[in-house]
N, C-alpha and C. Protein backbone atom coordinates (compact mmCIF):
# COMPACT_ATOMS: atom_id res chain seq x y z
N UNK A 1 23.61 6.85 -11.66
CA UNK A 1 23.62 6.02 -10.47
C UNK A 1 22.44 6.41 -9.60
N UNK A 2 21.60 5.45 -9.28
CA UNK A 2 20.46 5.70 -8.40
C UNK A 2 20.35 4.54 -7.43
N UNK A 3 20.28 4.86 -6.17
CA UNK A 3 20.17 3.84 -5.15
C UNK A 3 19.08 4.26 -4.17
N UNK A 4 18.22 3.33 -3.79
CA UNK A 4 17.17 3.60 -2.82
C UNK A 4 17.81 3.88 -1.46
N UNK A 5 17.34 4.90 -0.79
CA UNK A 5 17.83 5.24 0.54
C UNK A 5 17.23 4.30 1.57
N UNK A 6 18.03 3.90 2.52
CA UNK A 6 17.52 3.16 3.68
C UNK A 6 18.06 3.85 4.92
N UNK A 7 17.33 3.72 6.02
CA UNK A 7 17.68 4.45 7.23
C UNK A 7 17.77 3.52 8.43
N UNK A 8 18.69 3.82 9.35
CA UNK A 8 18.72 3.04 10.59
C UNK A 8 17.44 3.28 11.38
N UNK A 9 17.10 2.35 12.25
CA UNK A 9 15.87 2.49 13.04
C UNK A 9 16.16 2.55 14.55
N UNK A 10 17.41 2.73 14.91
CA UNK A 10 17.82 2.70 16.31
C UNK A 10 17.43 3.95 17.10
N UNK A 11 17.10 5.05 16.42
CA UNK A 11 16.79 6.30 17.12
C UNK A 11 18.02 7.07 17.52
N UNK A 12 19.19 6.63 17.08
CA UNK A 12 20.46 7.22 17.53
C UNK A 12 21.11 8.16 16.52
N UNK A 13 20.33 8.71 15.60
CA UNK A 13 20.91 9.58 14.58
C UNK A 13 19.99 10.77 14.34
N UNK A 14 20.57 11.96 14.30
CA UNK A 14 19.78 13.16 14.02
C UNK A 14 20.63 14.19 13.29
N UNK A 15 19.94 15.11 12.67
CA UNK A 15 20.57 16.26 12.02
C UNK A 15 20.19 17.48 12.83
N UNK A 16 21.16 18.28 13.23
CA UNK A 16 20.88 19.47 14.03
C UNK A 16 21.30 20.70 13.23
N UNK A 17 20.44 21.71 13.26
CA UNK A 17 20.70 22.95 12.53
C UNK A 17 19.93 24.09 13.18
N UNK A 18 20.18 25.29 12.71
CA UNK A 18 19.45 26.46 13.17
C UNK A 18 18.86 27.16 11.97
N UNK A 19 17.67 27.73 12.19
CA UNK A 19 17.02 28.54 11.16
C UNK A 19 16.36 29.70 11.88
N UNK A 20 16.65 30.90 11.46
CA UNK A 20 16.10 32.11 12.07
C UNK A 20 16.37 32.14 13.58
N UNK A 21 17.54 31.66 14.00
CA UNK A 21 17.93 31.70 15.40
C UNK A 21 17.36 30.59 16.25
N UNK A 22 16.50 29.74 15.71
CA UNK A 22 15.91 28.62 16.45
C UNK A 22 16.62 27.33 16.09
N UNK A 23 16.91 26.53 17.11
CA UNK A 23 17.54 25.24 16.88
C UNK A 23 16.53 24.19 16.48
N UNK A 24 16.91 23.32 15.57
CA UNK A 24 16.05 22.23 15.11
C UNK A 24 16.82 20.92 15.18
N UNK A 25 16.15 19.88 15.62
CA UNK A 25 16.70 18.53 15.61
C UNK A 25 15.80 17.70 14.71
N UNK A 26 16.37 17.17 13.66
CA UNK A 26 15.62 16.38 12.67
C UNK A 26 16.01 14.92 12.86
N UNK A 27 15.10 14.08 13.36
CA UNK A 27 15.42 12.66 13.55
C UNK A 27 15.71 11.98 12.21
N UNK A 28 16.73 11.13 12.21
CA UNK A 28 17.09 10.41 10.98
C UNK A 28 17.11 8.90 11.16
N UNK A 29 16.79 8.39 12.34
CA UNK A 29 16.90 6.94 12.57
C UNK A 29 15.65 6.39 13.23
N UNK A 30 14.56 6.26 12.56
CA UNK A 30 14.34 6.64 11.16
C UNK A 30 13.86 8.08 11.05
N UNK A 31 13.94 8.65 9.86
CA UNK A 31 13.43 10.01 9.67
C UNK A 31 11.91 10.03 9.75
N UNK A 32 11.37 11.15 10.20
CA UNK A 32 9.92 11.29 10.30
C UNK A 32 9.32 11.60 8.94
N UNK A 33 9.96 12.49 8.20
CA UNK A 33 9.47 12.88 6.88
C UNK A 33 10.49 12.50 5.82
N UNK A 34 10.05 11.78 4.82
CA UNK A 34 10.93 11.42 3.70
C UNK A 34 10.27 11.81 2.39
N UNK A 35 11.08 11.98 1.38
CA UNK A 35 10.58 12.27 0.04
C UNK A 35 10.02 10.98 -0.56
N UNK A 36 9.36 11.07 -1.70
CA UNK A 36 8.90 9.84 -2.37
C UNK A 36 10.04 8.87 -2.68
N UNK A 37 11.28 9.39 -2.74
CA UNK A 37 12.45 8.55 -3.00
C UNK A 37 13.06 8.00 -1.71
N UNK A 38 12.40 8.24 -0.57
CA UNK A 38 12.85 7.79 0.75
C UNK A 38 14.12 8.52 1.22
N UNK A 39 14.30 9.74 0.73
CA UNK A 39 15.41 10.58 1.18
C UNK A 39 14.86 11.66 2.12
N UNK A 40 15.73 12.39 2.77
CA UNK A 40 15.30 13.47 3.66
C UNK A 40 15.57 14.80 2.95
N UNK A 41 14.53 15.61 2.82
CA UNK A 41 14.64 16.91 2.17
C UNK A 41 14.86 17.97 3.25
N UNK A 42 16.03 18.59 3.24
CA UNK A 42 16.34 19.62 4.24
C UNK A 42 16.29 21.02 3.63
N UNK A 43 15.68 21.16 2.46
CA UNK A 43 15.66 22.45 1.77
C UNK A 43 14.97 23.55 2.58
N UNK A 44 14.04 23.19 3.47
CA UNK A 44 13.37 24.20 4.30
C UNK A 44 14.34 24.87 5.27
N UNK A 45 15.48 24.25 5.50
CA UNK A 45 16.46 24.78 6.44
C UNK A 45 17.63 25.47 5.75
N UNK A 46 17.61 25.51 4.43
CA UNK A 46 18.69 26.11 3.65
C UNK A 46 18.36 27.56 3.35
N UNK A 47 19.30 28.42 3.55
CA UNK A 47 19.17 29.84 3.23
C UNK A 47 20.35 30.25 2.36
N UNK A 48 20.19 31.34 1.66
CA UNK A 48 21.28 31.88 0.87
C UNK A 48 22.42 32.24 1.82
N UNK A 49 23.63 31.90 1.45
CA UNK A 49 24.78 32.19 2.31
C UNK A 49 25.24 30.94 3.04
N UNK A 50 25.82 31.15 4.20
CA UNK A 50 26.38 30.04 4.98
C UNK A 50 25.29 29.26 5.71
N UNK A 51 25.38 27.95 5.66
CA UNK A 51 24.47 27.04 6.37
C UNK A 51 25.33 26.06 7.16
N UNK A 52 24.91 25.75 8.38
CA UNK A 52 25.66 24.81 9.21
C UNK A 52 24.74 23.71 9.71
N UNK A 53 25.22 22.47 9.63
CA UNK A 53 24.49 21.30 10.07
C UNK A 53 25.43 20.40 10.85
N UNK A 54 24.89 19.69 11.80
CA UNK A 54 25.65 18.67 12.52
C UNK A 54 24.87 17.37 12.44
N UNK A 55 25.54 16.31 12.02
CA UNK A 55 24.94 14.99 12.06
C UNK A 55 25.43 14.37 13.36
N UNK A 56 24.48 14.04 14.24
CA UNK A 56 24.82 13.52 15.56
C UNK A 56 24.42 12.05 15.61
N UNK A 57 25.42 11.20 15.84
CA UNK A 57 25.15 9.77 15.97
C UNK A 57 25.55 9.33 17.37
N UNK A 58 24.65 8.59 18.00
CA UNK A 58 24.87 8.17 19.39
C UNK A 58 25.21 6.69 19.49
N UNK A 59 25.37 6.04 18.36
CA UNK A 59 25.77 4.64 18.33
C UNK A 59 26.54 4.39 17.04
N UNK A 60 27.04 3.17 16.89
CA UNK A 60 27.83 2.80 15.71
C UNK A 60 26.95 2.84 14.46
N UNK A 61 27.32 3.67 13.50
CA UNK A 61 26.59 3.77 12.23
C UNK A 61 27.52 3.39 11.06
N UNK A 62 28.51 2.57 11.33
CA UNK A 62 29.50 2.23 10.31
C UNK A 62 28.93 1.41 9.16
N UNK A 63 27.71 0.89 9.31
CA UNK A 63 27.06 0.17 8.21
C UNK A 63 26.36 1.11 7.24
N UNK A 64 26.39 2.39 7.53
CA UNK A 64 25.69 3.39 6.71
C UNK A 64 26.65 4.42 6.17
N UNK A 65 26.26 5.03 5.06
CA UNK A 65 26.98 6.15 4.48
C UNK A 65 25.98 7.30 4.38
N UNK A 66 26.34 8.46 4.90
CA UNK A 66 25.47 9.63 4.86
C UNK A 66 26.04 10.63 3.89
N UNK A 67 25.20 11.07 2.96
CA UNK A 67 25.65 11.95 1.88
C UNK A 67 24.71 13.14 1.79
N UNK A 68 25.25 14.33 1.72
CA UNK A 68 24.46 15.53 1.45
C UNK A 68 24.56 15.75 -0.06
N UNK A 69 23.43 15.63 -0.72
CA UNK A 69 23.40 15.69 -2.18
C UNK A 69 22.51 16.86 -2.61
N UNK A 70 23.11 17.87 -3.18
CA UNK A 70 22.35 19.03 -3.68
C UNK A 70 22.01 18.79 -5.15
N UNK A 71 20.73 18.96 -5.49
CA UNK A 71 20.30 18.72 -6.87
C UNK A 71 19.01 19.48 -7.14
N UNK A 72 18.68 19.59 -8.41
CA UNK A 72 17.38 20.13 -8.79
C UNK A 72 16.33 19.08 -8.43
N UNK A 73 15.12 19.49 -8.11
CA UNK A 73 14.09 18.51 -7.75
C UNK A 73 13.87 17.49 -8.86
N UNK A 74 13.66 16.25 -8.45
CA UNK A 74 13.38 15.17 -9.41
C UNK A 74 11.92 15.28 -9.86
N UNK A 75 11.55 14.63 -10.97
CA UNK A 75 10.14 14.64 -11.39
C UNK A 75 9.20 14.12 -10.30
N UNK A 76 9.62 13.11 -9.55
CA UNK A 76 8.78 12.58 -8.46
C UNK A 76 8.60 13.64 -7.38
N UNK A 77 9.67 14.35 -7.02
CA UNK A 77 9.57 15.40 -6.01
C UNK A 77 8.69 16.55 -6.50
N UNK A 78 8.81 16.92 -7.76
CA UNK A 78 7.98 18.00 -8.31
C UNK A 78 6.51 17.60 -8.32
N UNK A 79 6.23 16.36 -8.66
CA UNK A 79 4.86 15.87 -8.66
C UNK A 79 4.28 15.90 -7.24
N UNK A 80 5.06 15.48 -6.28
CA UNK A 80 4.64 15.50 -4.88
C UNK A 80 4.36 16.92 -4.42
N UNK A 81 5.22 17.86 -4.79
CA UNK A 81 5.05 19.26 -4.42
C UNK A 81 3.80 19.84 -5.09
N UNK A 82 3.57 19.53 -6.36
CA UNK A 82 2.38 20.02 -7.05
C UNK A 82 1.11 19.50 -6.39
N UNK A 83 1.12 18.25 -5.98
CA UNK A 83 -0.03 17.67 -5.29
C UNK A 83 -0.26 18.37 -3.95
N UNK A 84 0.79 18.63 -3.22
CA UNK A 84 0.68 19.33 -1.93
C UNK A 84 0.12 20.74 -2.14
N UNK A 85 0.65 21.45 -3.13
CA UNK A 85 0.18 22.82 -3.40
C UNK A 85 -1.30 22.83 -3.78
N UNK A 86 -1.72 21.85 -4.59
CA UNK A 86 -3.13 21.79 -4.99
C UNK A 86 -4.03 21.57 -3.78
N UNK A 87 -3.65 20.63 -2.90
CA UNK A 87 -4.44 20.38 -1.68
C UNK A 87 -4.46 21.61 -0.79
N UNK A 88 -3.33 22.31 -0.69
CA UNK A 88 -3.27 23.52 0.13
C UNK A 88 -4.17 24.61 -0.43
N UNK A 89 -4.14 24.81 -1.75
CA UNK A 89 -5.00 25.82 -2.38
C UNK A 89 -6.48 25.49 -2.18
N UNK A 90 -6.85 24.21 -2.27
CA UNK A 90 -8.23 23.81 -2.03
C UNK A 90 -8.63 24.08 -0.58
N UNK A 91 -7.72 23.81 0.35
CA UNK A 91 -7.99 24.06 1.77
C UNK A 91 -8.19 25.55 2.01
N UNK A 92 -7.34 26.38 1.43
CA UNK A 92 -7.48 27.83 1.59
C UNK A 92 -8.82 28.29 1.03
N UNK A 93 -9.20 27.77 -0.11
CA UNK A 93 -10.48 28.15 -0.73
C UNK A 93 -11.65 27.77 0.17
N UNK A 94 -11.62 26.58 0.74
CA UNK A 94 -12.69 26.13 1.64
C UNK A 94 -12.74 27.00 2.90
N UNK A 95 -11.60 27.26 3.51
CA UNK A 95 -11.60 28.06 4.74
C UNK A 95 -12.04 29.50 4.47
N UNK A 96 -11.70 30.04 3.32
CA UNK A 96 -12.17 31.39 2.99
C UNK A 96 -13.68 31.42 2.82
N UNK A 97 -14.25 30.36 2.27
CA UNK A 97 -15.70 30.29 2.10
C UNK A 97 -16.40 30.31 3.45
N UNK A 98 -15.82 29.66 4.44
CA UNK A 98 -16.41 29.67 5.78
C UNK A 98 -16.22 31.01 6.49
N UNK A 99 -15.18 31.72 6.13
CA UNK A 99 -14.86 32.97 6.82
C UNK A 99 -15.49 34.20 6.17
N UNK A 100 -16.12 34.03 5.02
CA UNK A 100 -16.73 35.15 4.33
C UNK A 100 -18.11 35.42 4.94
N UNK A 101 -18.30 36.63 5.36
CA UNK A 101 -19.60 36.97 5.94
C UNK A 101 -20.36 37.92 5.01
N UNK A 102 -21.66 37.93 5.18
CA UNK A 102 -22.51 38.83 4.41
C UNK A 102 -22.36 40.23 4.99
N UNK A 103 -22.24 41.23 4.16
CA UNK A 103 -22.10 42.60 4.69
C UNK A 103 -23.27 42.94 5.60
N UNK A 104 -23.00 43.61 6.71
CA UNK A 104 -24.03 43.92 7.70
C UNK A 104 -25.08 44.88 7.16
N UNK A 105 -24.73 45.74 6.21
CA UNK A 105 -25.73 46.68 5.69
C UNK A 105 -26.86 45.94 4.98
N UNK A 106 -26.55 44.82 4.30
CA UNK A 106 -27.59 44.04 3.66
C UNK A 106 -28.49 43.38 4.71
N UNK A 107 -27.90 42.91 5.78
CA UNK A 107 -28.69 42.33 6.86
C UNK A 107 -29.62 43.38 7.47
N UNK A 108 -29.11 44.57 7.64
CA UNK A 108 -29.91 45.65 8.23
C UNK A 108 -31.10 45.97 7.34
N UNK A 109 -30.88 46.07 6.03
CA UNK A 109 -31.97 46.39 5.11
C UNK A 109 -33.02 45.29 5.13
N UNK A 110 -32.59 44.02 5.19
CA UNK A 110 -33.54 42.93 5.21
C UNK A 110 -34.37 42.95 6.48
N UNK A 111 -33.74 43.08 7.62
CA UNK A 111 -34.49 43.04 8.87
C UNK A 111 -35.32 44.31 9.05
N UNK A 112 -34.84 45.44 8.54
CA UNK A 112 -35.57 46.70 8.65
C UNK A 112 -36.82 46.69 7.76
N UNK A 113 -36.71 46.07 6.59
CA UNK A 113 -37.86 46.03 5.67
C UNK A 113 -38.97 45.12 6.17
N UNK A 114 -38.65 44.20 7.07
CA UNK A 114 -39.66 43.30 7.63
C UNK A 114 -40.49 43.98 8.72
N UNK A 115 -40.00 45.06 9.29
CA UNK A 115 -40.72 45.71 10.39
C UNK A 115 -41.91 46.48 9.92
């Protein structure tokens, strides 16, 4: 069974949770970040042990069904993650190239030999 996710657009739905003692409110109507399958991935807020979430609705959402579905990542999600990791690794490589400086002893020898 596979069904495309759709989200309300009223702004009246959110998921509230805590991670490392900080409260987070994740908008769901509509969500800001969705997976390629148009679902919301809350794995960044899951830790080993007990996890608590509140779905807060401020208007009638009886036309919708909200389901927390735990599963292994889908091929589409894995592909998206691999693409993100590749872009991140390229960014790190570029920023390291800008942050690498020439050792000062080589600069000293060059400028000293010119005198």
